[in-house]
Amino acid sequence: MEIDFNKSQHVYFIGIGGISMSGLAEILLTRGFKVSGSDRSPSELTDMLEAEGANINIGQRASNITDDIDLVDIDLVVYTAAIHQDNPEYVKCKELNLPMMSRAEFLGQLMKNYESSIAISGTHGKTTTSSMAGEILMASSLDPTLSIGGILPSINGNIRIGNSEYFLTEACEYTNSFLSFFPKYEIILNIEEDHLDFFKDLNEIRTSFKRFGELLPEDGVLIINSDIKDHKEITKDISAKVVTFGKDERSDYYFTDLHTTKEGYSVFTFNTPSGKKQEVTLKVPGVHNVLNAVAALALADILNLDLTLSSKALFAFEGAKRRFEYKGNLKGINIFDDYAHHPTEIKATLQAASTYPHKNMWVVFQPHTYSRTKAFMDEFAEALSLADNIVLTDIYAARENDTLGISSEDLMNKILEKGKKCYHFRTFSDIENFLLQNCIPDDMLITMGAGDVLKIGESLLGS
């Protein structure tokens, strides 16, 4: 199905409150479309959409669609990857033979409307790098449309609607979603095992990223991390231009002279293939964020943007929400929140956090999905052991059911075997009481995970 985005239609979103779905709905509202949808519970995003004119049902029921095809005025139904085929609204739409499209397919259709579409992919770092690149495009007066997988404070949301040829979005590999896209520029930040509830193994994931690169047109550009093992296997059949970024001169774009200031800022020199150099200062900590910045700057250089202006945009960037976000201070305890839910992400965040002054580092971790917890049990235990004290919530099921016989107690026992202090509580209130009794002034507390674990820190700060 081809969508004419210049013709007003009625689009219904199943799962409209998701970070990406809500952004797509907002774009349609600005184009004069009629937008409706549903979600399991209200949120700031659904409230925002309703204020802009969307009609949103809380709770997903077949009756939201209607039982009479003659009364249905829906032109298209868009659903997220988290919607299962037994979802009552999905079932009803199929029964009524309504036109249906996944979120990824819809986003791909939208990308066709922009001459310079940019897709940023990778197992980790997509939101931060997309935010960095978005800041650079805005500072360069390119007036881009942005679709970020998190909340970017400078645009007060996850969507910015521009009036130019530039469209930038995150590109997630889960369920091969990004294979529905139509990018001209791509960034591949890293490729690791994840989403093993969908992918069989790392080889299948690498094949997916290879197919993603092959989507590029001949006049397109792929920017890929040269630290990815055998990265040339990923790029060998790509007709577009391929450039690399990394930690040293073996890459086309790389950094040198990295050091950390007393404020915890990262300072480095960005190097280009043409010999241009640019000093850059980042407020967001960690070598992983330096690499994210190098990828964003490589894109800027390929687009012939001013690197001095780009570096100023990066210095102003203080992070997307839920990316080592400072939440506040409670009786001398500094509280942060981070979205990390994969062992590599946890390790990077905790290594970066260790550069901040603190007595004891506390991490409240909420494992995300049973399949991921089981697949990376040993790796989670290793990464979390970088903290002084670890508190575990129950596993956040997300799209899964508990069929694997795995629990947070299994992870706790793995961590205890390493001689670390680890605790597990079933409820957030029990965790909050435990932290109030055991954290002391100058401790650092990080809530961590892709679920709703941030509520713990926010509740403590509100107490």
Protein backbone atom coordinates (compact mmCIF):
# COMPACT_ATOMS: atom_id res chain seq x y z
CA MET A 1 0.00 0.00 0.00
CA GLU A 2 1.35 3.42 -0.99
CA ILE A 3 0.34 6.31 1.27
CA ASP A 4 -0.25 9.79 -0.12
CA PHE A 5 0.92 12.00 2.75
CA ASN A 6 -0.49 15.07 1.00
CA LYS A 7 -4.03 13.67 1.24
CA SER A 8 -5.79 13.74 4.59
CA GLN A 9 -6.84 10.29 5.81
CA HIS A 10 -7.90 8.61 9.06
CA VAL A 11 -5.12 6.50 10.61
CA TYR A 12 -5.70 4.32 13.69
CA PHE A 13 -2.64 3.39 15.81
CA ILE A 14 -2.75 0.22 17.93
CA GLY A 15 -0.26 1.08 20.68
CA ILE A 16 -0.30 4.83 20.04
CA GLY A 17 1.42 5.65 23.35
CA GLY A 18 4.76 4.13 22.35
CA ILE A 19 7.67 6.53 21.90
CA SER A 20 7.89 5.97 18.15
CA MET A 21 4.18 5.49 17.44
CA SER A 22 3.28 8.70 19.26
CA GLY A 23 5.82 10.56 17.16
CA LEU A 24 4.38 9.25 13.91
CA ALA A 25 0.89 10.18 15.10
CA GLU A 26 2.11 13.71 15.87
CA ILE A 27 3.58 14.09 12.39
CA LEU A 28 0.23 13.09 10.85
CA LEU A 29 -1.66 15.54 13.03
CA THR A 30 0.49 18.39 11.72
CA ARG A 31 -0.28 17.24 8.16
CA GLY A 32 -4.01 17.47 8.76
CA PHE A 33 -4.71 13.74 9.15
CA LYS A 34 -7.42 12.40 11.43
CA VAL A 35 -5.63 10.37 14.11
CA SER A 36 -7.04 7.90 16.61
CA GLY A 37 -5.72 4.89 18.45
CA SER A 38 -5.44 2.94 21.66
CA ASP A 39 -3.03 2.01 24.41
CA ARG A 40 -3.05 -0.05 27.58
CA SER A 41 -2.76 2.97 29.90
CA PRO A 42 -2.68 6.77 29.72
CA SER A 43 0.66 8.60 29.69
CA GLU A 44 2.17 12.01 29.05
CA LEU A 45 2.44 11.06 25.37
CA THR A 46 -1.22 10.08 25.04
CA ASP A 47 -2.25 13.23 26.92
CA MET A 48 -0.15 15.32 24.52
CA LEU A 49 -1.71 13.68 21.46
CA GLU A 50 -5.23 14.17 22.80
CA ALA A 51 -4.46 17.84 23.38
CA GLU A 52 -3.43 18.06 19.71
CA GLY A 53 -6.67 16.49 18.50
CA ALA A 54 -6.20 12.71 18.55
CA ASN A 55 -8.98 10.43 19.80
CA ILE A 56 -7.44 7.79 22.08
CA ASN A 57 -9.01 4.73 23.70
CA ILE A 58 -7.48 3.47 26.93
CA GLY A 59 -7.63 -0.31 26.82
CA GLN A 60 -7.60 -2.38 23.65
CA ARG A 61 -10.97 -3.89 22.73
CA ALA A 62 -12.58 -5.02 19.50
CA SER A 63 -15.40 -2.53 20.15
CA ASN A 64 -12.89 0.31 19.68
CA ILE A 65 -12.90 -0.54 15.99
CA THR A 66 -16.71 -1.21 15.72
CA ASP A 67 -18.66 -4.27 14.71
CA ASP A 68 -20.14 -2.81 11.54
CA ILE A 69 -17.87 -2.34 8.49
CA ASP A 70 -20.31 0.28 7.16
CA LEU A 71 -19.54 2.46 10.18
CA VAL A 72 -15.75 2.19 9.96
CA ASP A 73 -14.13 5.36 8.60
CA ILE A 74 -10.55 4.13 9.19
CA ASP A 75 -8.35 4.33 6.08
CA LEU A 76 -5.28 2.64 7.61
CA VAL A 77 -4.35 0.77 10.79
CA VAL A 78 -0.77 0.96 12.09
CA TYR A 79 0.45 -1.45 14.79
CA THR A 80 3.67 -1.90 16.75
CA ALA A 81 5.94 -4.95 16.87
CA ALA A 82 4.69 -5.53 20.43
CA ILE A 83 1.14 -6.18 19.21
CA HIS A 84 0.43 -9.91 18.94
CA GLN A 85 -1.92 -11.44 16.41
CA ASP A 86 -4.40 -12.34 19.16
CA ASN A 87 -4.77 -8.67 20.16
CA PRO A 88 -8.54 -8.01 20.00
CA GLU A 89 -8.17 -4.86 17.91
CA TYR A 90 -5.74 -6.56 15.53
CA VAL A 91 -8.15 -9.49 15.15
CA LYS A 92 -11.11 -7.19 14.49
CA CYS A 93 -9.18 -5.17 11.86
CA LYS A 94 -8.27 -8.41 10.10
CA GLU A 95 -11.90 -9.57 10.19
CA LEU A 96 -13.02 -6.28 8.64
CA ASN A 97 -10.21 -6.51 6.04
CA LEU A 98 -8.96 -3.03 6.90
CA PRO A 99 -5.65 -1.90 5.34
CA MET A 100 -2.93 -2.64 7.92
CA MET A 101 0.75 -1.77 8.20
CA SER A 102 3.44 -2.26 10.82
CA ARG A 103 5.04 0.77 12.45
CA ALA A 104 8.27 0.09 10.54
CA GLU A 105 6.49 -0.15 7.19
CA PHE A 106 4.67 3.10 7.89
CA LEU A 107 7.88 4.86 8.90
CA GLY A 108 9.52 3.59 5.72
CA GLN A 109 6.68 5.08 3.67
CA LEU A 110 7.18 8.40 5.45
CA MET A 111 10.92 8.39 4.70
CA LYS A 112 10.18 8.31 0.97
CA ASN A 113 9.00 11.93 1.25
CA TYR A 114 12.50 13.18 2.11
CA GLU A 115 15.50 13.40 -0.21
CA SER A 116 18.02 13.16 2.63
CA SER A 117 16.78 10.47 5.01
CA ILE A 118 19.16 9.33 7.76
CA ALA A 119 18.79 6.06 9.67
CA ILE A 120 20.90 5.41 12.78
CA SER A 121 21.19 1.77 13.81
CA GLY A 122 23.12 -0.46 16.19
CA THR A 123 22.54 -2.69 19.19
CA HIS A 124 23.41 0.20 21.53
CA GLY A 125 23.63 3.98 21.37
CA LYS A 126 20.92 4.71 18.80
CA THR A 127 19.02 7.27 20.87
CA THR A 128 22.11 9.16 22.04
CA THR A 129 23.68 9.26 18.57
CA SER A 130 20.39 10.26 16.94
CA SER A 131 20.07 13.03 19.52
CA MET A 132 23.63 14.21 18.86
CA ALA A 133 23.13 14.16 15.10
CA GLY A 134 19.81 15.93 15.49
CA GLU A 135 21.42 18.70 17.54
CA ILE A 136 24.05 19.13 14.81
CA LEU A 137 21.44 19.33 12.02
CA MET A 138 19.41 21.89 13.97
CA ALA A 139 22.48 23.98 14.83
CA SER A 140 23.40 23.94 11.13
CA SER A 141 19.99 25.49 10.27
CA LEU A 142 18.93 22.48 8.19
CA ASP A 143 15.44 22.47 9.78
CA PRO A 144 15.26 18.64 9.99
CA THR A 145 12.38 16.37 10.92
CA LEU A 146 13.55 14.17 13.79
CA SER A 147 12.15 10.92 15.17
CA ILE A 148 14.12 10.05 18.31
CA GLY A 149 13.65 6.95 20.45
CA GLY A 150 13.74 8.98 23.64
CA ILE A 151 12.92 12.44 24.94
CA LEU A 152 15.33 15.12 23.72
CA PRO A 153 15.15 18.13 26.07
CA SER A 154 16.01 20.71 23.39
CA ILE A 155 12.85 19.83 21.43
CA ASN A 156 10.85 18.93 24.55
CA GLY A 157 9.87 15.56 23.13
CA ASN A 158 10.89 12.83 20.71
CA ILE A 159 9.62 14.46 17.52
CA ARG A 160 10.63 17.61 15.70
CA ILE A 161 8.73 18.48 12.54
CA GLY A 162 10.84 20.44 10.06
CA ASN A 163 10.31 21.85 6.61
CA SER A 164 13.32 20.56 4.71
CA GLU A 165 14.58 17.50 2.85
CA TYR A 166 16.25 16.13 6.02
CA PHE A 167 14.62 13.34 8.00
CA LEU A 168 16.49 11.54 10.78
CA THR A 169 15.26 8.46 12.61
CA GLU A 170 16.47 5.59 14.73
CA ALA A 171 16.53 2.25 12.97
CA CYS A 172 15.92 -0.79 15.18
CA GLU A 173 16.79 -4.30 14.04
CA TYR A 174 14.16 -6.02 16.20
CA THR A 175 11.80 -8.08 13.99
CA ASN A 176 13.90 -6.74 11.06
CA SER A 177 11.99 -3.48 11.34
CA PHE A 178 14.69 -1.37 9.70
CA LEU A 179 14.50 -3.43 6.52
CA SER A 180 11.30 -1.51 5.70
CA PHE A 181 13.17 1.81 5.58
CA PHE A 182 14.36 3.94 2.65
CA PRO A 183 17.50 5.74 3.89
CA LYS A 184 20.10 7.64 1.92
CA TYR A 185 22.54 7.77 4.85
CA GLU A 186 23.06 5.06 7.45
CA ILE A 187 25.09 4.70 10.61
CA ILE A 188 25.82 1.26 12.11
CA LEU A 189 27.17 1.83 15.62
CA ASN A 190 27.72 -1.77 16.74
CA ILE A 191 26.40 -5.29 16.21
CA GLU A 192 25.97 -7.63 19.19
CA GLU A 193 23.67 -10.39 20.36
CA ASP A 194 20.28 -9.10 21.49
CA HIS A 195 16.57 -9.70 20.84
CA LEU A 196 17.17 -13.44 20.94
CA ASP A 197 13.43 -13.94 21.27
CA PHE A 198 13.39 -13.08 17.55
CA PHE A 199 16.88 -13.74 16.18
CA LYS A 200 18.39 -17.23 16.30
CA ASP A 201 21.97 -16.09 16.93
CA LEU A 202 24.58 -13.42 16.21
CA ASN A 203 25.04 -14.59 12.62
CA GLU A 204 21.38 -13.98 11.90
CA ILE A 205 21.68 -10.51 13.45
CA ARG A 206 24.72 -9.74 11.29
CA THR A 207 22.80 -10.87 8.21
CA SER A 208 20.01 -8.47 9.13
CA PHE A 209 22.45 -5.55 9.38
CA LYS A 210 24.03 -6.57 6.08
CA ARG A 211 20.62 -6.43 4.41
CA PHE A 212 20.06 -3.05 6.05
CA GLY A 213 23.23 -1.70 4.45
CA GLU A 214 22.17 -3.06 1.08
CA LEU A 215 19.07 -0.83 1.19
CA LEU A 216 21.22 2.20 0.40
CA PRO A 217 21.14 3.69 -3.11
CA GLU A 218 24.38 4.05 -5.08
CA ASP A 219 24.65 7.72 -4.13
CA GLY A 220 24.11 6.89 -0.45
CA VAL A 221 26.66 6.57 2.36
CA LEU A 222 27.13 3.96 5.09
CA ILE A 223 29.07 5.01 8.19
CA ILE A 224 30.11 1.88 10.11
CA ASN A 225 32.13 1.25 13.26
CA SER A 226 35.38 -0.44 12.25
CA ASP A 227 35.51 -2.17 15.66
CA ILE A 228 32.65 -4.41 14.56
CA LYS A 229 34.20 -7.84 14.06
CA ASP A 230 34.75 -8.58 10.35
CA HIS A 231 32.88 -5.41 9.42
CA LYS A 232 33.94 -5.83 5.79
CA GLU A 233 31.72 -8.91 5.58
CA ILE A 234 28.80 -6.61 6.36
CA THR A 235 29.74 -4.07 3.67
CA LYS A 236 31.20 -6.15 0.85
CA ASP A 237 28.07 -6.18 -1.36
CA ILE A 238 26.95 -2.61 -0.67
CA SER A 239 26.82 -0.37 -3.74
CA ALA A 240 26.84 2.85 -1.69
CA LYS A 241 29.97 4.57 -0.39
CA VAL A 242 31.28 3.02 2.84
CA VAL A 243 33.29 4.97 5.43
CA THR A 244 34.43 3.82 8.86
CA PHE A 245 34.71 5.43 12.27
CA GLY A 246 36.55 4.21 15.33
CA LYS A 247 39.19 4.71 18.00
CA ASP A 248 42.31 5.20 15.90
CA GLU A 249 43.77 6.08 12.50
CA ARG A 250 42.81 2.69 11.02
CA SER A 251 39.35 4.25 10.59
CA ASP A 252 38.40 7.05 8.20
CA TYR A 253 37.02 9.10 11.10
CA TYR A 254 38.55 8.71 14.55
CA PHE A 255 39.43 10.45 17.81
CA THR A 256 42.77 11.23 19.43
CA ASP A 257 44.02 13.07 22.55
CA LEU A 258 41.11 11.91 24.73
CA HIS A 259 41.18 13.13 28.31
CA THR A 260 38.68 13.89 31.08
CA THR A 261 38.37 17.27 32.81
CA LYS A 262 37.79 17.74 36.53
CA GLU A 263 34.11 18.37 35.72
CA GLY A 264 33.91 14.90 34.16
CA TYR A 265 33.76 16.22 30.57
CA SER A 266 35.39 14.24 27.75
CA VAL A 267 37.73 16.28 25.53
CA PHE A 268 39.12 14.86 22.29
CA THR A 269 40.27 15.69 18.77
CA PHE A 270 38.04 14.59 15.90
CA ASN A 271 40.00 13.59 12.77
CA THR A 272 38.65 13.37 9.20
CA PRO A 273 39.95 11.54 6.09
CA SER A 274 40.86 14.90 4.51
CA GLY A 275 43.07 15.83 7.45
CA LYS A 276 40.69 18.28 9.12
CA LYS A 277 40.81 18.27 12.92
CA GLN A 278 38.32 19.62 15.43
CA GLU A 279 38.56 19.76 19.21
CA VAL A 280 35.36 18.53 20.86
CA THR A 281 34.13 18.68 24.47
CA LEU A 282 31.30 16.40 25.62
CA LYS A 283 29.33 16.79 28.83
CA VAL A 284 27.95 13.24 28.57
CA PRO A 285 30.49 10.81 30.07
CA GLY A 286 32.18 7.67 28.78
CA VAL A 287 34.24 6.46 25.83
CA HIS A 288 31.07 4.96 24.34
CA ASN A 289 29.66 8.48 24.03
CA VAL A 290 32.88 9.71 22.45
CA LEU A 291 32.37 7.07 19.74
CA ASN A 292 28.73 8.11 19.38
CA ALA A 293 29.90 11.69 18.86
CA VAL A 294 32.50 10.62 16.29
CA ALA A 295 29.76 8.86 14.31
CA ALA A 296 27.55 11.96 14.44
CA LEU A 297 30.47 14.20 13.40
CA ALA A 298 31.32 11.85 10.53
CA LEU A 299 27.77 12.35 9.27
CA ALA A 300 28.19 16.12 9.64
CA ASP A 301 31.41 16.07 7.61
CA ILE A 302 29.82 13.93 4.87
CA LEU A 303 26.97 16.46 4.69
CA ASN A 304 29.61 19.24 4.38
CA LEU A 305 28.52 20.90 7.63
CA ASP A 306 30.75 23.24 9.60
CA LEU A 307 32.64 21.17 12.19
CA THR A 308 33.19 24.05 14.59
CA LEU A 309 29.45 24.68 14.68
CA SER A 310 28.85 20.94 15.02
CA SER A 311 31.21 20.68 17.98
CA LYS A 312 29.41 23.57 19.69
CA ALA A 313 26.13 21.70 19.24
CA LEU A 314 27.67 18.64 20.90
CA PHE A 315 28.99 20.68 23.82
CA ALA A 316 25.47 22.00 24.43
CA PHE A 317 24.08 18.44 24.42
CA GLU A 318 23.54 17.17 27.96
CA GLY A 319 21.98 13.83 27.08
CA ALA A 320 18.58 12.45 26.18
CA LYS A 321 16.25 11.56 29.02
CA ARG A 322 16.90 8.17 30.62
CA ARG A 323 20.52 8.19 29.37
CA PHE A 324 22.48 8.62 32.63
CA GLU A 325 20.02 11.36 33.47
CA TYR A 326 20.54 13.24 36.74
CA LYS A 327 17.24 13.16 38.61
CA GLY A 328 18.09 14.99 41.82
CA ASN A 329 19.61 14.83 45.30
CA LEU A 330 17.99 13.19 48.32
CA LYS A 331 19.69 13.91 51.65
CA GLY A 332 23.10 14.01 49.97
CA ILE A 333 22.45 11.00 47.71
CA ASN A 334 22.77 11.76 43.98
CA ILE A 335 20.12 9.90 42.00
CA PHE A 336 20.48 9.08 38.28
CA ASP A 337 18.40 7.07 35.83
CA ASP A 338 19.58 5.09 32.82
CA TYR A 339 17.85 3.04 30.12
CA ALA A 340 20.59 0.39 29.91
CA HIS A 341 19.08 -3.10 29.61
CA HIS A 342 21.86 -5.05 27.85
CA PRO A 343 25.13 -6.12 29.56
CA THR A 344 27.29 -4.01 27.22
CA GLU A 345 25.17 -0.93 27.92
CA ILE A 346 25.27 -1.55 31.68
CA LYS A 347 29.04 -1.92 31.65
CA ALA A 348 29.50 1.29 29.64
CA THR A 349 27.20 3.28 31.92
CA LEU A 350 28.75 2.03 35.16
CA GLN A 351 32.29 2.63 33.89
CA ALA A 352 31.30 6.19 32.97
CA ALA A 353 29.51 6.67 36.31
CA SER A 354 32.62 5.58 38.21
CA THR A 355 34.34 8.83 37.15
CA TYR A 356 31.79 10.82 39.19
CA PRO A 357 32.66 11.52 42.86
CA HIS A 358 30.82 9.11 45.18
CA LYS A 359 31.23 6.91 48.24
CA ASN A 360 29.19 3.88 47.26
CA MET A 361 27.53 3.15 43.93
CA TRP A 362 24.07 1.63 44.23
CA VAL A 363 22.30 0.21 41.17
CA VAL A 364 18.64 -0.73 41.14
CA PHE A 365 18.32 -2.92 38.05
CA GLN A 366 15.10 -4.08 36.45
CA PRO A 367 15.78 -7.01 34.08
CA HIS A 368 13.90 -6.55 30.78
CA THR A 369 12.19 -9.65 29.33
CA TYR A 370 12.67 -13.24 30.39
CA SER A 371 14.42 -14.24 27.16
CA ARG A 372 17.10 -11.53 27.47
CA THR A 373 17.65 -12.29 31.16
CA LYS A 374 18.14 -15.99 30.46
CA ALA A 375 20.36 -15.44 27.40
CA PHE A 376 22.74 -13.06 29.18
CA MET A 377 22.57 -14.23 32.80
CA ASP A 378 26.36 -14.49 33.27
CA GLU A 379 27.01 -11.26 31.34
CA PHE A 380 24.46 -9.35 33.44
CA ALA A 381 26.09 -10.60 36.63
CA GLU A 382 29.53 -9.55 35.38
CA ALA A 383 28.43 -6.07 34.27
CA LEU A 384 26.36 -5.28 37.37
CA SER A 385 29.25 -6.34 39.61
CA LEU A 386 30.94 -3.04 38.70
CA ALA A 387 28.59 -1.45 41.27
CA ASP A 388 29.18 -1.67 45.02
CA ASN A 389 25.59 -2.67 45.81
CA ILE A 390 22.99 -4.15 43.46
CA VAL A 391 19.24 -4.25 44.06
CA LEU A 392 17.07 -6.26 41.66
CA THR A 393 13.39 -5.83 40.89
CA ASP A 394 11.27 -8.57 39.39
CA ILE A 395 11.72 -9.09 35.63
CA TYR A 396 9.80 -6.62 33.48
CA ALA A 397 7.91 -8.89 31.10
CA ALA A 398 7.21 -6.32 28.35
CA ARG A 399 5.95 -8.31 25.35
CA GLU A 400 6.64 -11.75 26.86
CA ASN A 401 4.99 -14.32 29.12
CA ASP A 402 6.90 -16.16 31.83
CA THR A 403 7.47 -19.49 30.10
CA LEU A 404 11.22 -19.90 30.65
CA GLY A 405 11.33 -20.58 34.40
CA ILE A 406 13.73 -17.70 34.99
CA SER A 407 13.62 -15.10 37.77
CA SER A 408 15.57 -12.21 39.29
CA GLU A 409 16.59 -14.53 42.14
CA ASP A 410 18.62 -16.55 39.63
CA LEU A 411 20.50 -13.40 38.66
CA MET A 412 20.92 -12.41 42.31
CA ASN A 413 22.56 -15.75 43.08
CA LYS A 414 24.98 -15.29 40.16
CA ILE A 415 26.00 -11.89 41.51
CA LEU A 416 26.35 -13.18 45.07
CA GLU A 417 28.69 -15.87 43.76
CA LYS A 418 31.00 -13.05 42.67
CA GLY A 419 31.19 -11.78 46.24
CA LYS A 420 29.08 -8.68 45.56
CA LYS A 421 26.25 -7.35 47.70
CA CYS A 422 22.97 -8.06 45.92
CA TYR A 423 19.35 -7.93 47.06
CA HIS A 424 16.00 -8.77 45.45
CA PHE A 425 12.61 -7.32 46.38
CA ARG A 426 9.24 -7.99 44.79
CA THR A 427 7.80 -4.47 45.15
CA PHE A 428 9.06 -0.98 44.45
CA SER A 429 7.94 0.20 47.90
CA ASP A 430 10.12 -2.45 49.57
CA ILE A 431 13.07 -1.30 47.47
CA GLU A 432 12.47 2.34 48.36
CA ASN A 433 12.33 1.54 52.10
CA PHE A 434 15.54 -0.51 51.84
CA LEU A 435 17.38 2.29 50.05
CA LEU A 436 16.23 4.90 52.58
CA GLN A 437 17.61 2.73 55.37
CA ASN A 438 20.95 1.90 53.72
CA CYS A 439 22.10 4.70 51.39
CA ILE A 440 24.24 7.39 53.01
CA PRO A 441 25.22 10.95 51.98
CA ASP A 442 27.58 11.12 48.97
CA ASP A 443 26.38 7.76 47.68
CA MET A 444 25.33 7.48 44.02
CA LEU A 445 22.06 5.72 43.20
CA ILE A 446 21.29 4.64 39.62
CA THR A 447 17.92 3.21 38.60
CA MET A 448 18.52 1.15 35.48
CA GLY A 449 16.44 -0.69 32.91
CA ALA A 450 14.05 -0.27 29.99
CA GLY A 451 10.87 -0.72 32.02
CA ASP A 452 9.36 1.48 34.73
CA VAL A 453 12.20 1.26 37.27
CA LEU A 454 12.70 5.05 37.03
CA LYS A 455 9.60 5.39 39.24
CA ILE A 456 11.69 4.31 42.22
CA GLY A 457 14.05 7.28 42.02
CA GLU A 458 11.23 9.67 41.24
CA SER A 459 9.24 8.37 44.20
CA LEU A 460 12.22 8.79 46.53
CA LEU A 461 12.78 12.35 45.38
CA GLY A 462 9.11 13.10 45.91
CA SER A 463 9.14 11.71 49.42
